[in-house]
Structure formats: structure tokens, C-alpha cells
C-alpha atoms as a PDB file:
ATOM      1  CA  UNK A   1     -88.237  -7.733 -15.525  1.00  0.00           C
ATOM      2  CA  UNK A   2     -86.913  -4.596 -13.870  1.00  0.00           C
ATOM      3  CA  UNK A   3     -83.835  -4.627 -16.114  1.00  0.00           C
ATOM      4  CA  UNK A   4     -86.082  -4.156 -19.168  1.00  0.00           C
ATOM      5  CA  UNK A   5     -87.253  -0.804 -17.829  1.00  0.00           C
ATOM      6  CA  UNK A   6     -83.654   0.259 -17.167  1.00  0.00           C
ATOM      7  CA  UNK A   7     -82.612  -0.919 -20.644  1.00  0.00           C
ATOM      8  CA  UNK A   8     -85.359   1.142 -22.291  1.00  0.00           C
ATOM      9  CA  UNK A   9     -84.604   4.212 -20.170  1.00  0.00           C
ATOM     10  CA  UNK A  10     -80.879   4.027 -20.928  1.00  0.00           C
ATOM     11  CA  UNK A  11     -81.569   3.678 -24.662  1.00  0.00           C
ATOM     12  CA  UNK A  12     -83.950   6.630 -24.575  1.00  0.00           C
ATOM     13  CA  UNK A  13     -81.391   8.672 -22.663  1.00  0.00           C
ATOM     14  CA  UNK A  14     -78.758   7.921 -25.285  1.00  0.00           C
ATOM     15  CA  UNK A  15     -81.113   8.949 -28.075  1.00  0.00           C
ATOM     16  CA  UNK A  16     -81.967  12.199 -26.274  1.00  0.00           C
ATOM     17  CA  UNK A  17     -78.267  12.924 -25.741  1.00  0.00           C
ATOM     18  CA  UNK A  18     -77.597  12.266 -29.426  1.00  0.00           C
ATOM     19  CA  UNK A  19     -80.445  14.565 -30.485  1.00  0.00           C
ATOM     20  CA  UNK A  20     -79.242  17.324 -28.170  1.00  0.00           C
ATOM     21  CA  UNK A  21     -75.700  16.928 -29.486  1.00  0.00           C
ATOM     22  CA  UNK A  22     -76.926  16.976 -33.089  1.00  0.00           C
ATOM     23  CA  UNK A  23     -78.934  20.101 -32.367  1.00  0.00           C
ATOM     24  CA  UNK A  24     -75.951  21.753 -30.665  1.00  0.00           C
ATOM     25  CA  UNK A  25     -73.646  20.935 -33.579  1.00  0.00           C
ATOM     26  CA  UNK A  26     -76.146  22.256 -36.100  1.00  0.00           C
ATOM     27  CA  UNK A  27     -76.877  18.921 -37.782  1.00  0.00           C
ATOM     28  CA  UNK A  28     -80.607  19.595 -37.533  1.00  0.00           C
ATOM     29  CA  UNK A  29     -80.419  22.871 -39.458  1.00  0.00           C
ATOM     30  CA  UNK A  30     -81.634  21.045 -42.571  1.00  0.00           C
ATOM     31  CA  UNK A  31     -85.069  20.860 -40.938  1.00  0.00           C
ATOM     32  CA  UNK A  32     -85.468  24.609 -41.365  1.00  0.00           C
ATOM     33  CA  UNK A  33     -86.406  27.310 -38.895  1.00  0.00           C
ATOM     34  CA  UNK A  34     -89.830  25.866 -38.134  1.00  0.00           C
ATOM     35  CA  UNK A  35     -89.684  24.480 -34.564  1.00  0.00           C
ATOM     36  CA  UNK A  36     -92.778  22.344 -35.187  1.00  0.00           C
ATOM     37  CA  UNK A  37     -90.889  20.294 -37.761  1.00  0.00           C
ATOM     38  CA  UNK A  38     -87.902  19.892 -35.454  1.00  0.00           C
ATOM     39  CA  UNK A  39     -90.114  18.801 -32.550  1.00  0.00           C
ATOM     40  CA  UNK A  40     -92.026  16.351 -34.747  1.00  0.00           C
ATOM     41  CA  UNK A  41     -88.791  14.875 -36.106  1.00  0.00           C
ATOM     42  CA  UNK A  42     -87.325  14.582 -32.603  1.00  0.00           C
ATOM     43  CA  UNK A  43     -90.449  12.913 -31.231  1.00  0.00           C
ATOM     44  CA  UNK A  44     -90.582  10.548 -34.195  1.00  0.00           C
ATOM     45  CA  UNK A  45     -86.994   9.492 -33.633  1.00  0.00           C
ATOM     46  CA  UNK A  46     -87.547   9.149 -29.889  1.00  0.00           C
ATOM     47  CA  UNK A  47     -90.746   7.095 -30.194  1.00  0.00           C
ATOM     48  CA  UNK A  48     -89.404   4.775 -32.879  1.00  0.00           C
ATOM     49  CA  UNK A  49     -86.210   4.235 -30.875  1.00  0.00           C
ATOM     50  CA  UNK A  50     -88.249   3.465 -27.750  1.00  0.00           C
ATOM     51  CA  UNK A  51     -90.350   0.989 -29.685  1.00  0.00           C
ATOM     52  CA  UNK A  52     -87.261  -0.721 -31.085  1.00  0.00           C
ATOM     53  CA  UNK A  53     -85.570  -0.884 -27.680  1.00  0.00           C
ATOM     54  CA  UNK A  54     -88.730  -2.220 -26.056  1.00  0.00           C
ATOM     55  CA  UNK A  55     -89.204  -4.939 -28.656  1.00  0.00           C
ATOM     56  CA  UNK A  56     -85.560  -6.010 -28.391  1.00  0.00           C
ATOM     57  CA  UNK A  57     -85.870  -6.152 -24.596  1.00  0.00           C
ATOM     58  CA  UNK A  58     -88.951  -8.353 -24.932  1.00  0.00           C
ATOM     59  CA  UNK A  59     -87.091 -10.677 -27.298  1.00  0.00           C
ATOM     60  CA  UNK A  60     -84.273 -11.065 -24.779  1.00  0.00           C
ATOM     61  CA  UNK A  61     -86.754 -11.593 -21.946  1.00  0.00           C
ATOM     62  CA  UNK A  62     -88.672 -14.202 -23.924  1.00  0.00           C
ATOM     63  CA  UNK A  63     -85.467 -16.057 -24.757  1.00  0.00           C
ATOM     64  CA  UNK A  64     -84.231 -16.081 -21.157  1.00  0.00           C
ATOM     65  CA  UNK A  65     -87.566 -17.024 -19.571  1.00  0.00           C
ATOM     66  CA  UNK A  66     -87.941 -20.255 -21.548  1.00  0.00           C
ATOM     67  CA  UNK A  67     -91.230 -19.208 -23.125  1.00  0.00           C
ATOM     68  CA  UNK A  68     -89.820 -19.913 -26.598  1.00  0.00           C
ATOM     69  CA  UNK A  69     -89.073 -23.539 -25.732  1.00  0.00           C
ATOM     70  CA  UNK A  70     -92.542 -24.045 -24.234  1.00  0.00           C
ATOM     71  CA  UNK A  71     -94.204 -22.596 -27.333  1.00  0.00           C
ATOM     72  CA  UNK A  72     -92.072 -24.752 -29.639  1.00  0.00           C
ATOM     73  CA  UNK A  73     -92.924 -27.875 -27.618  1.00  0.00           C
ATOM     74  CA  UNK A  74     -96.641 -27.036 -27.798  1.00  0.00           C
ATOM     75  CA  UNK A  75     -96.339 -26.621 -31.568  1.00  0.00           C
ATOM     76  CA  UNK A  76     -94.561 -29.989 -31.917  1.00  0.00           C
ATOM     77  CA  UNK A  77     -97.209 -31.672 -29.756  1.00  0.00           C
ATOM     78  CA  UNK A  78     -99.974 -30.138 -31.853  1.00  0.00           C
ATOM     79  CA  UNK A  79     -98.351 -31.284 -35.087  1.00  0.00           C
ATOM     80  CA  UNK A  80     -97.878 -34.795 -33.702  1.00  0.00           C
ATOM     81  CA  UNK A  81    -101.551 -35.022 -32.700  1.00  0.00           C
ATOM     82  CA  UNK A  82    -102.649 -33.706 -36.082  1.00  0.00           C
ATOM     83  CA  UNK A  83    -100.411 -36.156 -37.920  1.00  0.00           C
ATOM     84  CA  UNK A  84    -101.787 -39.171 -36.045  1.00  0.00           C
ATOM     85  CA  UNK A  85    -105.438 -38.500 -36.875  1.00  0.00           C
END
């Protein structure tokens, strides 16, 4: 479970580095001179990237932990019981 936190932090670090590089190269000049817009855009990108990285980490964790197989078996058992009645 600890690797999920590291995965999310590394992904967030990469996004922050990309945003800083884009700002340094002037790619964010299209946002105008209003710093509020630039901050809002940066936070939006950062939060959506964190959400995506977190959900992907949970998918990998769920797959490795065997929870998917247990849920599928429960669903098959439920369908079998329902079909017999």
C-alpha cells in the first residue's frame, strides 16, 4: 500500500516539473497576465492529474490484491442462486 503513495507523489512531482518548465518556456503566456487564471489552471491540472494517478494506483492495487476475483466469484454465486430459484 505504501507504493501507492510513492506512485502518486512521483506523478504529482512530474506534473509540477512539467508546469514549471512550461511556465519557464513561456507556454503558459496564452493564459494572459492575470495570475489568478494561471494559478487556477495550474491547480486544475494538478488536481485532475492527482485524481487520475490515484485511481490508476487503486486499479493496480485491486488487481494485485485478488479483490477482483473475489468479487467476480461472489457475483457468479449470486447468479447461480438466483437461477436455481
